[in-house]
C-alpha cells in the first residue's frame, strides 16, 4: 500500500525563487509573524547582530558587487566554506539574488576534501574565513587555480589578511557604491523545481561525497511543510547545527524568516556556552544532535543552570537509544520531544512529529509524513508491504531533490521506476502513521550527526602498502554517536616477521588516516583479521563485522 500524509495538501508556488519567496513576495504563504520586534541573527559570543532587513540590504549589496565587479552570472557556483556566522545568510542570499548557486561545505575540511569540493562544483568564487583561507588556497593551487577568487568572510569588515585577497567588507562597499542590480527570477518557461538553488554535500556508499542539487521548490516546499508542525512558542532558534548541513539551511537560514524567529548563534560549541545561551535567551525548543543530548543527560554542570524555559527537545541526524531517551525524560520531566526523518536528498524531512505528538511516548519514531508526501515500503522483492511491516522506505514529494550535480548514474539509481527516492533505510509505518526506522541499508557512519562513508576510508586504506583488504564500520561512541573502526587484512608476511609487523601497525594506519582525512573521519581503532567476510557477490558483510566487534572488542556499557 501507499502511505499518504494526513496533512491537507499545500499549494507550493512554482514560479518563485527562495529569495523572492522570502523578500519580494507579499506572501500569502506565510503565517502571521511570531512576535512584533524585528528578528535577526545574534552572535552569542560577540553580541553582534544583524536583523532581517539588514541582511536583505547586505544581500543586495553583495549581489550587486558579485555581478558588476566579479562577473557572477546566473548558474555560476560560489563555494561557501564558513562556520556559523551572522553574515552567513547575507552571503547565501546575496549569491541567490544574483542567480548564483551557493555550494555549502564544511570549513573543517582538509586540503584533499576541499579540492574535491571545488573540483566537483567548479566554483567561480570561494568565500571562507581567514582561518580557513590557507587550506582553501592550497586546494586551489593543486587544481591549478589562483587565489584571487577567494573572499574572506570574517565578521569584522576591512581588507583581507592576504594581499590581493578581498574581504566581505570590501565586497559590501563595492555594492554600496552603485545602483542595485535587479533581483534574478525564475526564467520564463521554467518551474522552480527545475532550477538549482544551492548545493549540499552528501556522502555516498561508493566513494567521495556527491554534490546534491537542491531546487528552489525543494526549500520552499519544505518550509511550508514544516509550518504546521512548528509550535507557536518557537520564537528563538538555537543556531548550533552547522549552516552547511541541510537541516541548518532549512531550519536556521530559511524558516526563521518565514516564522519571524530570532537565531542565536554559537560559533563554537562548549557545554557552558550552550547552557548559558539556553538560559539567557529563554529558548523553548532546543534543536541539538544526539551526542549533545547525551551530554545534557550526563554532564553535572547542567544543574548549575536554570533551564525551566525548555518546552521540548528537537533532534535528528542520527538515532537516539531508548536508554538515553528515558534518562532525558527523567532529567527534564514534563518536557516534549520531536525529531524528523529524512536525508539531504529529501531537503531534510520526509516525516516529523506533528503538534499532537510532541511527547516522549513517540520519541522512538520519526513522526508522521509531512504534507504533500507519499511513502511506500517495499520488501526484498520490491513488493509493497502494509502497516507495521518492514521494508525499504521510498518517498516522493516536492521536497525530494532533482539529482546529483554532473552525476547522471548516481541520480538514476537514486530513484525507482515510479520516481520514488530510495532512502536506503529499513523501516515501517505504524498504526498511527508514524515512521519507525529499524536499520540502515546504506551503512553510513554518523559522527556527531555528520555522515562518513565507509567506502571513502576503505579506498584510502587500500592505498597503503601494508593493506591487502579492509572494511570500515561505525561503532558506538558516547561523545560522537559513532566513530569509524577498521578491520584490516595485512599483506602477506613471513611467520617470523609477523609479530614484529603487527606491533605498531594499527597506530601507523590510524596516523595515516589522520594525515589524509578530517577529524570526523579518523579511526577509533584497527583490528587485524585473516579475511573480510563477504557475500557471494563480493559485498562486505558489515553485519558480521559489527557482531564481531560487539563480541570481542566493545567495552562493557558504561552506566549513563
Protein backbone atom coordinates (compact mmCIF):
# COMPACT_ATOMS: atom_id res chain seq x y z
CA UNK A 1 0.00 0.00 0.00
CA UNK A 2 0.96 3.63 -0.39
CA UNK A 3 1.18 5.78 2.74
CA UNK A 4 -0.02 9.36 2.25
CA UNK A 5 0.31 12.36 4.53
CA UNK A 6 -2.68 13.10 6.74
CA UNK A 7 -1.99 16.84 6.42
CA UNK A 8 -4.06 18.73 3.82
CA UNK A 9 -2.21 19.25 0.54
CA UNK A 10 -0.43 22.59 0.35
CA UNK A 11 -0.18 24.91 -2.62
CA UNK A 12 3.52 25.05 -3.49
CA UNK A 13 4.44 28.00 -5.75
CA UNK A 14 6.26 27.02 -8.94
CA UNK A 15 7.43 30.47 -10.09
CA UNK A 16 9.29 31.87 -7.06
CA UNK A 17 12.95 31.76 -6.13
CA UNK A 18 13.80 31.33 -2.47
CA UNK A 19 14.89 34.99 -2.38
CA UNK A 20 11.60 36.23 -3.84
CA UNK A 21 9.65 33.89 -1.57
CA UNK A 22 11.26 35.49 1.48
CA UNK A 23 11.86 39.10 0.50
CA UNK A 24 9.90 40.12 -2.61
CA UNK A 25 6.58 38.39 -2.10
CA UNK A 26 3.73 40.00 -0.17
CA UNK A 27 3.30 36.49 0.95
CA UNK A 28 0.08 34.68 1.23
CA UNK A 29 2.18 31.65 2.16
CA UNK A 30 3.46 32.99 5.48
CA UNK A 31 1.56 32.68 8.75
CA UNK A 32 1.34 35.76 10.95
CA UNK A 33 4.83 36.52 12.19
CA UNK A 34 5.64 35.40 15.71
CA UNK A 35 6.41 38.43 17.87
CA UNK A 36 6.43 42.11 16.97
CA UNK A 37 10.07 43.17 17.35
CA UNK A 38 12.42 42.85 14.34
CA UNK A 39 14.08 39.44 14.24
CA UNK A 40 17.57 38.57 13.11
CA UNK A 41 20.83 36.75 13.87
CA UNK A 42 22.89 37.28 17.02
CA UNK A 43 26.42 36.07 17.75
CA UNK A 44 26.22 34.95 21.38
CA UNK A 45 29.99 35.38 21.84
CA UNK A 46 30.46 38.90 20.42
CA UNK A 47 26.80 40.02 20.75
CA UNK A 48 27.00 41.45 17.23
CA UNK A 49 23.68 41.25 15.40
CA UNK A 50 22.01 41.67 12.02
CA UNK A 51 18.24 41.88 11.71
CA UNK A 52 16.32 40.53 8.72
CA UNK A 53 16.10 43.89 6.95
CA UNK A 54 19.85 44.46 7.39
CA UNK A 55 20.51 41.01 5.96
CA UNK A 56 18.34 41.82 2.95
CA UNK A 57 20.25 45.08 2.39
CA UNK A 58 23.63 43.34 2.68
CA UNK A 59 22.44 40.59 0.33
CA UNK A 60 21.55 43.25 -2.23
CA UNK A 61 24.99 44.88 -1.85
CA UNK A 62 26.78 41.54 -2.15
CA UNK A 63 24.68 40.53 -5.14
CA UNK A 64 25.38 43.83 -6.91
CA UNK A 65 29.13 43.64 -6.29
CA UNK A 66 29.46 39.99 -7.34
CA UNK A 67 27.54 40.69 -10.55
CA UNK A 68 29.12 44.01 -11.57
CA UNK A 69 32.64 43.70 -10.16
CA UNK A 70 33.33 39.97 -10.18
CA UNK A 71 31.44 38.71 -13.23
CA UNK A 72 28.99 36.41 -11.46
CA UNK A 73 26.41 35.08 -13.91
CA UNK A 74 23.17 33.15 -13.25
CA UNK A 75 24.05 29.49 -12.72
CA UNK A 76 27.62 30.19 -11.57
CA UNK A 77 28.60 28.31 -8.42
CA UNK A 78 30.07 30.09 -5.40
CA UNK A 79 31.53 27.92 -2.65
CA UNK A 80 30.88 28.90 0.98
CA UNK A 81 33.24 27.22 3.47
CA UNK A 82 32.31 29.03 6.65
CA UNK A 83 31.33 28.27 10.23
CA UNK A 84 28.02 29.62 11.51
CA UNK A 85 28.08 33.42 11.49
CA UNK A 86 25.60 36.31 11.41
CA UNK A 87 26.79 37.24 7.91
CA UNK A 88 26.21 33.71 6.53
CA UNK A 89 22.57 34.31 5.45
CA UNK A 90 23.52 37.62 3.80
CA UNK A 91 26.21 35.83 1.80
CA UNK A 92 23.95 32.97 0.77
CA UNK A 93 21.05 35.21 -0.22
CA UNK A 94 23.38 37.64 -1.96
CA UNK A 95 24.56 34.83 -4.22
CA UNK A 96 20.98 33.64 -4.82
CA UNK A 97 19.75 37.17 -5.57
CA UNK A 98 22.19 37.27 -8.48
CA UNK A 99 21.07 33.85 -9.73
CA UNK A 100 24.24 32.19 -8.47
CA UNK A 101 24.31 28.81 -6.76
CA UNK A 102 25.86 28.61 -3.27
CA UNK A 103 27.77 25.36 -2.66
CA UNK A 104 27.86 24.76 1.09
CA UNK A 105 30.63 22.73 2.66
CA UNK A 106 32.36 22.25 5.99
CA UNK A 107 35.06 24.76 6.98
CA UNK A 108 36.72 21.83 8.75
CA UNK A 109 37.58 20.02 5.52
CA UNK A 110 41.26 19.41 4.89
CA UNK A 111 43.04 20.23 1.63
CA UNK A 112 42.12 16.97 -0.13
CA UNK A 113 38.46 17.33 0.81
CA UNK A 114 38.36 21.00 -0.20
CA UNK A 115 39.95 20.13 -3.52
CA UNK A 116 37.25 17.52 -4.14
CA UNK A 117 34.54 20.11 -3.36
CA UNK A 118 35.99 22.77 -5.66
CA UNK A 119 36.58 20.31 -8.48
CA UNK A 120 33.09 18.81 -8.17
CA UNK A 121 31.18 22.10 -8.23
CA UNK A 122 33.59 24.06 -10.47
CA UNK A 123 33.13 27.17 -8.35
CA UNK A 124 33.80 30.66 -9.67
CA UNK A 125 34.46 32.14 -6.22
CA UNK A 126 35.18 30.85 -2.71
CA UNK A 127 34.02 32.59 0.45
CA UNK A 128 35.74 31.47 3.66
CA UNK A 129 37.03 32.90 6.96
CA UNK A 130 40.69 33.87 7.23
CA UNK A 131 41.50 30.84 9.41
CA UNK A 132 40.40 28.52 6.58
CA UNK A 133 42.00 30.53 3.77
CA UNK A 134 45.34 28.68 3.83
CA UNK A 135 43.63 25.30 3.30
CA UNK A 136 41.45 26.80 0.55
CA UNK A 137 44.49 28.36 -1.09
CA UNK A 138 46.34 25.04 -1.04
CA UNK A 139 43.40 23.19 -2.60
CA UNK A 140 43.03 25.81 -5.34
CA UNK A 141 46.76 25.70 -6.08
CA UNK A 142 46.63 21.93 -6.57
CA UNK A 143 43.79 22.49 -9.05
CA UNK A 144 45.93 24.99 -10.95
CA UNK A 145 43.87 27.99 -9.86
CA UNK A 146 44.94 31.34 -8.44
CA UNK A 147 43.77 32.59 -5.06
CA UNK A 148 42.21 35.77 -6.47
CA UNK A 149 38.84 34.01 -6.33
CA UNK A 150 38.93 33.95 -2.50
CA UNK A 151 36.80 36.34 -0.45
CA UNK A 152 37.38 36.30 3.31
CA UNK A 153 34.17 36.37 5.34
CA UNK A 154 35.33 37.43 8.80
CA UNK A 155 32.68 39.30 10.78
CA UNK A 156 34.74 42.48 11.07
CA UNK A 157 34.90 44.37 7.78
CA UNK A 158 38.13 45.55 6.28
CA UNK A 159 40.88 44.38 4.00
CA UNK A 160 41.63 40.70 3.58
CA UNK A 161 44.53 39.29 5.59
CA UNK A 162 46.49 38.39 2.46
CA UNK A 163 47.48 40.89 -0.21
CA UNK A 164 45.19 40.61 -3.22
CA UNK A 165 42.50 38.74 -1.26
CA UNK A 166 39.30 40.70 -0.79
CA UNK A 167 37.22 40.69 2.36
CA UNK A 168 33.45 40.59 2.68
CA UNK A 169 33.67 44.21 3.82
CA UNK A 170 35.32 45.09 0.51
CA UNK A 171 32.53 43.37 -1.41
CA UNK A 172 29.80 45.13 0.56
CA UNK A 173 31.45 48.51 -0.04
CA UNK A 174 31.66 47.78 -3.76
CA UNK A 175 27.94 47.00 -3.79
CA UNK A 176 27.01 50.07 -1.77
CA UNK A 177 28.78 52.36 -4.18
CA UNK A 178 26.45 51.77 -7.11
CA UNK A 179 22.78 51.33 -8.00
CA UNK A 180 21.49 47.88 -7.06
CA UNK A 181 21.04 45.17 -9.66
CA UNK A 182 17.61 43.67 -10.22
CA UNK A 183 16.59 40.53 -8.38
CA UNK A 184 17.10 37.41 -10.50
CA UNK A 185 13.89 35.47 -11.12
CA UNK A 186 12.97 32.03 -12.47
CA UNK A 187 13.33 32.21 -16.29
CA UNK A 188 10.12 32.27 -18.28
CA UNK A 189 9.04 28.79 -19.32
CA UNK A 190 10.75 27.12 -16.36
CA UNK A 191 9.49 25.99 -12.97
CA UNK A 192 11.38 26.49 -9.73
CA UNK A 193 11.61 22.72 -9.36
CA UNK A 194 13.88 22.72 -12.41
CA UNK A 195 16.32 25.37 -11.15
CA UNK A 196 19.10 24.54 -8.68
CA UNK A 197 19.10 26.89 -5.69
CA UNK A 198 22.07 25.50 -3.77
CA UNK A 199 24.40 22.54 -3.47
CA UNK A 200 24.94 20.48 -0.33
CA UNK A 201 27.28 17.53 0.03
CA UNK A 202 26.09 14.06 0.97
CA UNK A 203 28.34 11.06 1.37
CA UNK A 204 27.66 8.10 -0.91
CA UNK A 205 28.35 4.48 -0.12
CA UNK A 206 30.66 4.00 -3.07
CA UNK A 207 33.15 6.83 -2.80
CA UNK A 208 33.65 10.52 -2.20
CA UNK A 209 30.79 12.89 -1.25
CA UNK A 210 28.41 13.85 -4.05
CA UNK A 211 27.03 17.34 -4.69
CA UNK A 212 23.28 17.25 -4.05
CA UNK A 213 21.24 19.70 -6.12
CA UNK A 214 18.54 21.36 -4.04
CA UNK A 215 15.96 23.26 -6.10
CA UNK A 216 14.16 26.47 -5.18
CA UNK A 217 10.93 24.49 -4.91
CA UNK A 218 12.57 21.94 -2.58
CA UNK A 219 13.39 24.59 0.03
CA UNK A 220 10.10 26.50 -0.30
CA UNK A 221 8.10 23.27 -0.06
CA UNK A 222 10.00 22.05 2.99
CA UNK A 223 9.41 25.33 4.82
CA UNK A 224 5.69 25.26 4.04
CA UNK A 225 5.57 21.61 5.14
CA UNK A 226 7.18 22.45 8.48
CA UNK A 227 4.94 25.41 9.38
CA UNK A 228 2.01 23.22 10.58
CA UNK A 229 4.37 21.22 12.81
CA UNK A 230 6.11 24.27 14.35
CA UNK A 231 4.97 25.37 17.81
CA UNK A 232 3.93 28.99 18.36
CA UNK A 233 6.47 29.31 21.22
CA UNK A 234 9.36 28.67 18.81
CA UNK A 235 10.44 32.32 18.97
CA UNK A 236 14.20 31.82 19.34
CA UNK A 237 16.19 29.31 17.30
CA UNK A 238 19.38 27.80 18.70
CA UNK A 239 21.89 28.28 15.87
CA UNK A 240 24.19 25.41 16.80
CA UNK A 241 23.74 22.90 13.97
CA UNK A 242 26.09 23.70 11.06
CA UNK A 243 24.57 26.03 8.48
CA UNK A 244 26.14 23.99 5.66
CA UNK A 245 24.05 20.95 6.66
CA UNK A 246 20.62 20.70 5.02
CA UNK A 247 18.92 20.91 8.44
CA UNK A 248 20.85 24.09 9.18
CA UNK A 249 19.85 25.55 5.81
CA UNK A 250 16.13 24.90 6.26
CA UNK A 251 15.66 25.42 9.99
CA UNK A 252 18.21 28.18 10.62
CA UNK A 253 18.71 30.06 7.36
CA UNK A 254 15.25 29.99 5.77
CA UNK A 255 12.46 29.04 8.19
CA UNK A 256 13.29 31.83 10.72
CA UNK A 257 12.47 34.41 8.02
CA UNK A 258 9.16 32.65 7.39
CA UNK A 259 8.01 32.42 11.03
CA UNK A 260 9.72 35.59 12.24
CA UNK A 261 12.14 33.98 14.70
CA UNK A 262 15.45 35.11 16.17
CA UNK A 263 18.53 32.91 15.60
CA UNK A 264 21.18 32.92 18.32
CA UNK A 265 24.48 31.54 17.05
CA UNK A 266 27.11 29.60 18.94
CA UNK A 267 30.18 29.94 16.67
CA UNK A 268 31.92 27.22 18.69
CA UNK A 269 30.39 24.57 20.91
CA UNK A 270 31.11 24.40 24.60
CA UNK A 271 28.74 22.91 27.14
CA UNK A 272 28.83 26.09 29.23
CA UNK A 273 28.17 28.19 26.14
CA UNK A 274 25.19 26.05 25.18
CA UNK A 275 23.62 26.08 28.63
CA UNK A 276 24.14 29.79 29.22
CA UNK A 277 22.66 30.56 25.79
CA UNK A 278 19.54 28.49 26.51
CA UNK A 279 19.15 30.23 29.86
CA UNK A 280 19.92 33.77 28.65
CA UNK A 281 17.77 33.70 25.53
CA UNK A 282 14.97 31.60 27.05
CA UNK A 283 14.99 29.01 24.27
CA UNK A 284 11.82 26.91 24.32
CA UNK A 285 12.79 24.38 21.64
CA UNK A 286 16.35 23.08 21.85
CA UNK A 287 17.49 21.68 18.50
CA UNK A 288 20.60 19.53 19.00
CA UNK A 289 22.19 16.32 17.71
CA UNK A 290 22.18 13.08 19.77
CA UNK A 291 25.75 13.41 21.14
CA UNK A 292 24.77 16.70 22.80
CA UNK A 293 21.63 15.11 24.23
CA UNK A 294 23.91 12.52 25.82
CA UNK A 295 25.97 15.37 27.30
CA UNK A 296 22.79 17.00 28.65
CA UNK A 297 21.94 13.72 30.37
CA UNK A 298 25.42 13.13 31.80
CA UNK A 299 27.18 16.45 32.43
CA UNK A 300 26.95 17.56 36.09
CA UNK A 301 27.18 21.27 35.17
CA UNK A 302 23.65 21.12 33.74
CA UNK A 303 22.28 21.50 37.28
CA UNK A 304 24.01 24.90 37.59
CA UNK A 305 21.70 26.50 35.02
CA UNK A 306 18.02 27.42 35.07
CA UNK A 307 16.65 25.52 32.08
CA UNK A 308 12.98 25.82 33.00
CA UNK A 309 12.41 27.68 29.71
CA UNK A 310 12.82 24.43 27.75
CA UNK A 311 9.49 23.13 26.46
CA UNK A 312 10.83 20.40 24.20
CA UNK A 313 13.94 18.89 22.63
CA UNK A 314 14.28 18.53 18.88
CA UNK A 315 16.74 16.09 17.39
CA UNK A 316 17.71 14.34 14.21
CA UNK A 317 20.73 13.36 12.05
CA UNK A 318 21.28 10.10 13.98
CA UNK A 319 19.29 7.64 16.10
CA UNK A 320 18.99 8.00 19.87
CA UNK A 321 18.90 4.95 22.09
CA UNK A 322 15.86 4.12 24.20
CA UNK A 323 18.05 4.31 27.30
CA UNK A 324 19.16 7.88 26.58
CA UNK A 325 15.59 8.98 25.82
CA UNK A 326 14.41 7.58 29.15
CA UNK A 327 17.18 9.39 31.01
CA UNK A 328 16.43 12.64 29.17
CA UNK A 329 12.74 12.45 30.09
CA UNK A 330 13.65 11.69 33.70
CA UNK A 331 16.05 14.63 33.89
CA UNK A 332 13.63 17.04 32.20
CA UNK A 333 10.16 15.89 33.30
CA UNK A 334 7.14 17.44 31.65
CA UNK A 335 9.04 18.44 28.52
CA UNK A 336 8.33 17.26 24.99
CA UNK A 337 10.41 15.69 22.25
CA UNK A 338 10.32 15.83 18.46
CA UNK A 339 12.52 14.75 15.60
CA UNK A 340 12.45 14.40 11.87
CA UNK A 341 13.39 11.63 9.49
CA UNK A 342 14.96 12.35 6.14
CA UNK A 343 18.21 12.97 4.32
CA UNK A 344 19.99 15.65 2.33
CA UNK A 345 18.28 14.35 -0.80
CA UNK A 346 14.86 14.98 0.78
CA UNK A 347 15.80 18.55 1.81
CA UNK A 348 15.55 17.43 5.40
CA UNK A 349 12.23 15.99 6.48
CA UNK A 350 10.15 13.25 4.94
CA UNK A 351 8.49 12.92 8.34
CA UNK A 352 8.43 14.88 11.57
CA UNK A 353 6.38 14.90 14.74
CA UNK A 354 3.12 16.88 14.41
CA UNK A 355 1.98 19.17 17.22
CA UNK A 356 -0.12 16.47 18.89
CA UNK A 357 2.81 14.06 19.06
CA UNK A 358 5.47 16.22 20.76
CA UNK A 359 5.70 13.70 23.59
CA UNK A 360 8.32 11.18 24.68
CA UNK A 361 5.92 8.30 24.01
CA UNK A 362 6.52 8.96 20.29
CA UNK A 363 10.26 9.62 20.62
CA UNK A 364 11.33 6.28 19.15
CA UNK A 365 9.53 7.15 15.92
CA UNK A 366 10.39 9.76 13.32
CA UNK A 367 6.92 11.27 13.31
CA UNK A 368 4.35 11.32 10.51
CA UNK A 369 4.58 12.25 6.84
CA UNK A 370 4.76 15.97 6.12
CA UNK A 371 2.19 17.44 3.71
CA UNK A 372 2.22 16.54 0.00
CA UNK A 373 4.36 13.47 0.71
CA UNK A 374 3.81 9.84 -0.25
CA UNK A 375 5.85 6.90 1.05
CA UNK A 376 5.94 3.27 0.08
CA UNK A 377 7.62 0.45 1.96
CA UNK A 378 8.90 -2.41 -0.19
CA UNK A 379 10.27 -5.84 0.68
CA UNK A 380 13.36 -7.50 -0.80
CA UNK A 381 11.38 -8.45 -3.90
CA UNK A 382 10.15 -4.90 -4.46
CA UNK A 383 6.59 -5.65 -3.34
CA UNK A 384 4.59 -3.14 -1.30
CA UNK A 385 4.05 -4.03 2.35
CA UNK A 386 1.45 -2.76 4.80
CA UNK A 387 1.13 -1.21 8.24
CA UNK A 388 3.75 -2.43 10.69
CA UNK A 389 5.63 -4.44 8.06
CA UNK A 390 9.30 -3.77 7.42
CA UNK A 391 10.95 -2.89 4.14
CA UNK A 392 12.92 -0.17 2.41
CA UNK A 393 11.43 3.32 2.74
CA UNK A 394 10.90 5.14 -0.58
CA UNK A 395 9.49 8.67 -0.75
CA UNK A 396 8.01 11.15 -3.21
CA UNK A 397 7.10 14.82 -2.69
CA UNK A 398 8.01 18.40 -3.67
CA UNK A 399 10.92 18.37 -1.20
CA UNK A 400 12.69 15.49 -2.97
CA UNK A 401 15.84 16.61 -4.79
CA UNK A 402 16.14 16.59 -8.61
CA UNK A 403 19.52 14.84 -8.72
CA UNK A 404 23.26 14.94 -8.16
CA UNK A 405 25.44 17.51 -9.90
CA UNK A 406 27.03 16.09 -13.06
CA UNK A 407 26.36 12.52 -11.94
CA UNK A 408 23.53 11.01 -14.02
CA UNK A 409 24.38 7.45 -13.00
CA UNK A 410 24.02 8.18 -9.29
CA UNK A 411 20.89 10.23 -9.96
CA UNK A 412 19.26 7.41 -11.90
CA UNK A 413 20.00 4.83 -9.21
CA UNK A 414 18.59 7.12 -6.50
CA UNK A 415 15.03 6.72 -7.84
CA UNK A 416 12.81 3.77 -8.69
CA UNK A 417 10.81 3.46 -11.91
CA UNK A 418 7.92 5.47 -10.40
CA UNK A 419 10.11 8.37 -9.31
CA UNK A 420 10.28 7.47 -5.62
CA UNK A 421 13.53 8.23 -3.81
CA UNK A 422 15.38 5.24 -2.37
CA UNK A 423 16.27 6.16 1.21
CA UNK A 424 18.35 3.05 1.79
CA UNK A 425 16.74 2.63 5.21
CA UNK A 426 14.71 -0.30 6.50
CA UNK A 427 11.62 0.92 8.30
CA UNK A 428 7.89 0.59 8.82
CA UNK A 429 4.81 2.75 9.28
CA UNK A 430 2.83 2.05 12.44
CA UNK A 431 -0.93 2.24 13.02
CA UNK A 432 -0.75 5.94 13.95
CA UNK A 433 1.12 6.79 10.76
CA UNK A 434 4.49 7.22 12.47
CA UNK A 435 7.65 6.03 10.76
CA UNK A 436 9.96 3.67 12.63
CA UNK A 437 13.49 3.12 11.32
CA UNK A 438 14.88 -0.34 12.08
CA UNK A 439 18.20 -0.44 10.24
CA UNK A 440 20.27 1.31 7.61
CA UNK A 441 20.99 -0.22 4.25
CA UNK A 442 23.45 2.44 3.28
CA UNK A 443 25.83 1.73 6.17
CA UNK A 444 26.62 5.39 6.72
CA UNK A 445 28.63 6.17 9.83
CA UNK A 446 27.26 9.25 11.60
CA UNK A 447 29.91 11.13 13.56
CA UNK A 448 28.24 13.92 15.55
CA UNK A 449 25.37 13.71 13.08
CA UNK A 450 27.64 14.15 10.04
CA UNK A 451 27.78 11.32 7.53
CA UNK A 452 31.04 9.48 6.90
CA UNK A 453 31.16 6.95 4.07
CA UNK A 454 32.98 3.69 4.91
CA UNK A 455 33.96 3.33 1.25
CA UNK A 456 35.93 6.59 1.38
CA UNK A 457 38.07 5.33 4.25
CA UNK A 458 38.37 1.85 2.73
CA UNK A 459 39.67 3.33 -0.51
CA UNK A 460 42.24 5.31 1.45
CA UNK A 461 43.43 2.29 3.47
CA UNK A 462 43.66 0.12 0.36
CA UNK A 463 46.13 2.65 -0.99
CA UNK A 464 48.55 1.86 1.84
CA UNK A 465 51.30 -0.63 1.02
CA UNK A 466 50.62 -2.69 4.15
CA UNK A 467 46.93 -3.29 3.41
CA UNK A 468 45.64 -6.25 1.40
CA UNK A 469 41.94 -5.80 2.18
CA UNK A 470 39.82 -3.88 4.67
CA UNK A 471 36.35 -2.89 5.83
CA UNK A 472 35.21 0.04 7.94
CA UNK A 473 32.18 0.08 10.22
CA UNK A 474 30.69 2.57 12.64
CA UNK A 475 30.98 1.65 16.30
CA UNK A 476 29.19 3.29 19.25
CA UNK A 477 30.86 6.29 20.84
CA UNK A 478 29.39 8.10 23.85
CA UNK A 479 30.52 11.52 22.66
CA UNK A 480 30.17 11.39 18.86
CA UNK A 481 27.39 8.83 18.49
CA UNK A 482 29.55 6.69 16.21
CA UNK A 483 33.22 6.50 15.15
CA UNK A 484 34.86 4.64 12.26
CA UNK A 485 36.62 1.36 13.12
CA UNK A 486 38.66 -0.63 10.60
CA UNK A 487 39.13 -4.37 10.08
CA UNK A 488 42.32 -4.88 8.08
CA UNK A 489 43.95 -7.78 6.25
CA UNK A 490 47.69 -7.15 6.03
CA UNK A 491 49.74 -8.11 3.02
CA UNK A 492 51.46 -11.50 3.36
CA UNK A 493 54.44 -11.60 5.71
CA UNK A 494 56.68 -14.43 6.87
CA UNK A 495 55.61 -16.01 10.17
CA UNK A 496 58.92 -14.97 11.75
CA UNK A 497 58.21 -11.33 10.85
CA UNK A 498 54.50 -11.34 11.64
CA UNK A 499 54.70 -10.30 15.29
CA UNK A 500 57.13 -7.50 14.53
CA UNK A 501 54.98 -6.20 11.67
CA UNK A 502 51.74 -6.25 13.68
CA UNK A 503 53.35 -4.36 16.53
CA UNK A 504 52.58 -0.69 15.95
CA UNK A 505 50.89 -1.32 12.59
CA UNK A 506 47.50 -0.31 13.92
CA UNK A 507 48.75 3.04 15.17
CA UNK A 508 50.63 3.55 11.90
CA UNK A 509 47.42 3.09 9.88
CA UNK A 510 45.46 5.33 12.24
CA UNK A 511 48.07 8.05 11.81
CA UNK A 512 47.89 7.56 8.03
CA UNK A 513 44.17 8.34 8.13
CA UNK A 514 44.69 11.30 10.48
CA UNK A 515 47.08 12.86 7.98
CA UNK A 516 44.81 12.28 4.99
CA UNK A 517 41.33 13.00 6.38
CA UNK A 518 39.45 15.47 8.55
CA UNK A 519 38.97 14.75 12.24
CA UNK A 520 35.46 13.32 11.88
CA UNK A 521 36.87 10.54 9.69
CA UNK A 522 39.69 9.46 12.00
CA UNK A 523 39.68 5.80 13.02
CA UNK A 524 38.96 4.97 16.63
CA UNK A 525 40.70 1.61 16.26
CA UNK A 526 42.02 -1.14 13.97
CA UNK A 527 41.74 -4.92 14.21
CA UNK A 528 43.82 -7.24 12.02
CA UNK A 529 41.94 -10.22 10.60
CA UNK A 530 42.70 -13.06 8.19
CA UNK A 531 39.87 -12.16 5.82
CA UNK A 532 36.95 -9.78 5.35
CA UNK A 533 33.54 -11.53 5.35
CA UNK A 534 31.79 -11.00 2.02
CA UNK A 535 28.69 -12.19 0.20
CA UNK A 536 28.91 -14.31 -2.97
CA UNK A 537 28.57 -11.12 -5.00
CA UNK A 538 31.53 -9.57 -3.19
CA UNK A 539 29.66 -7.19 -0.89
CA UNK A 540 31.16 -6.67 2.55
CA UNK A 541 29.05 -8.27 5.29
CA UNK A 542 29.25 -5.42 7.77
CA UNK A 543 26.65 -7.04 9.97
CA UNK A 544 29.12 -9.86 10.68
CA UNK A 545 31.83 -7.33 11.49
CA UNK A 546 29.54 -5.41 13.84
CA UNK A 547 28.75 -8.65 15.63
CA UNK A 548 32.48 -9.44 15.83
CA UNK A 549 33.17 -6.02 17.29
CA UNK A 550 30.37 -6.33 19.86
CA UNK A 551 31.51 -9.80 20.86
CA UNK A 552 35.25 -9.25 21.17
CA UNK A 553 36.10 -5.56 21.19
CA UNK A 554 33.26 -3.48 22.62
CA UNK A 555 33.86 -2.20 26.12
CA UNK A 556 31.22 -3.04 28.74
CA UNK A 557 28.44 -0.46 28.51
CA UNK A 558 29.10 2.32 30.97
CA UNK A 559 26.21 3.41 33.11
CA UNK A 560 24.89 6.71 31.76
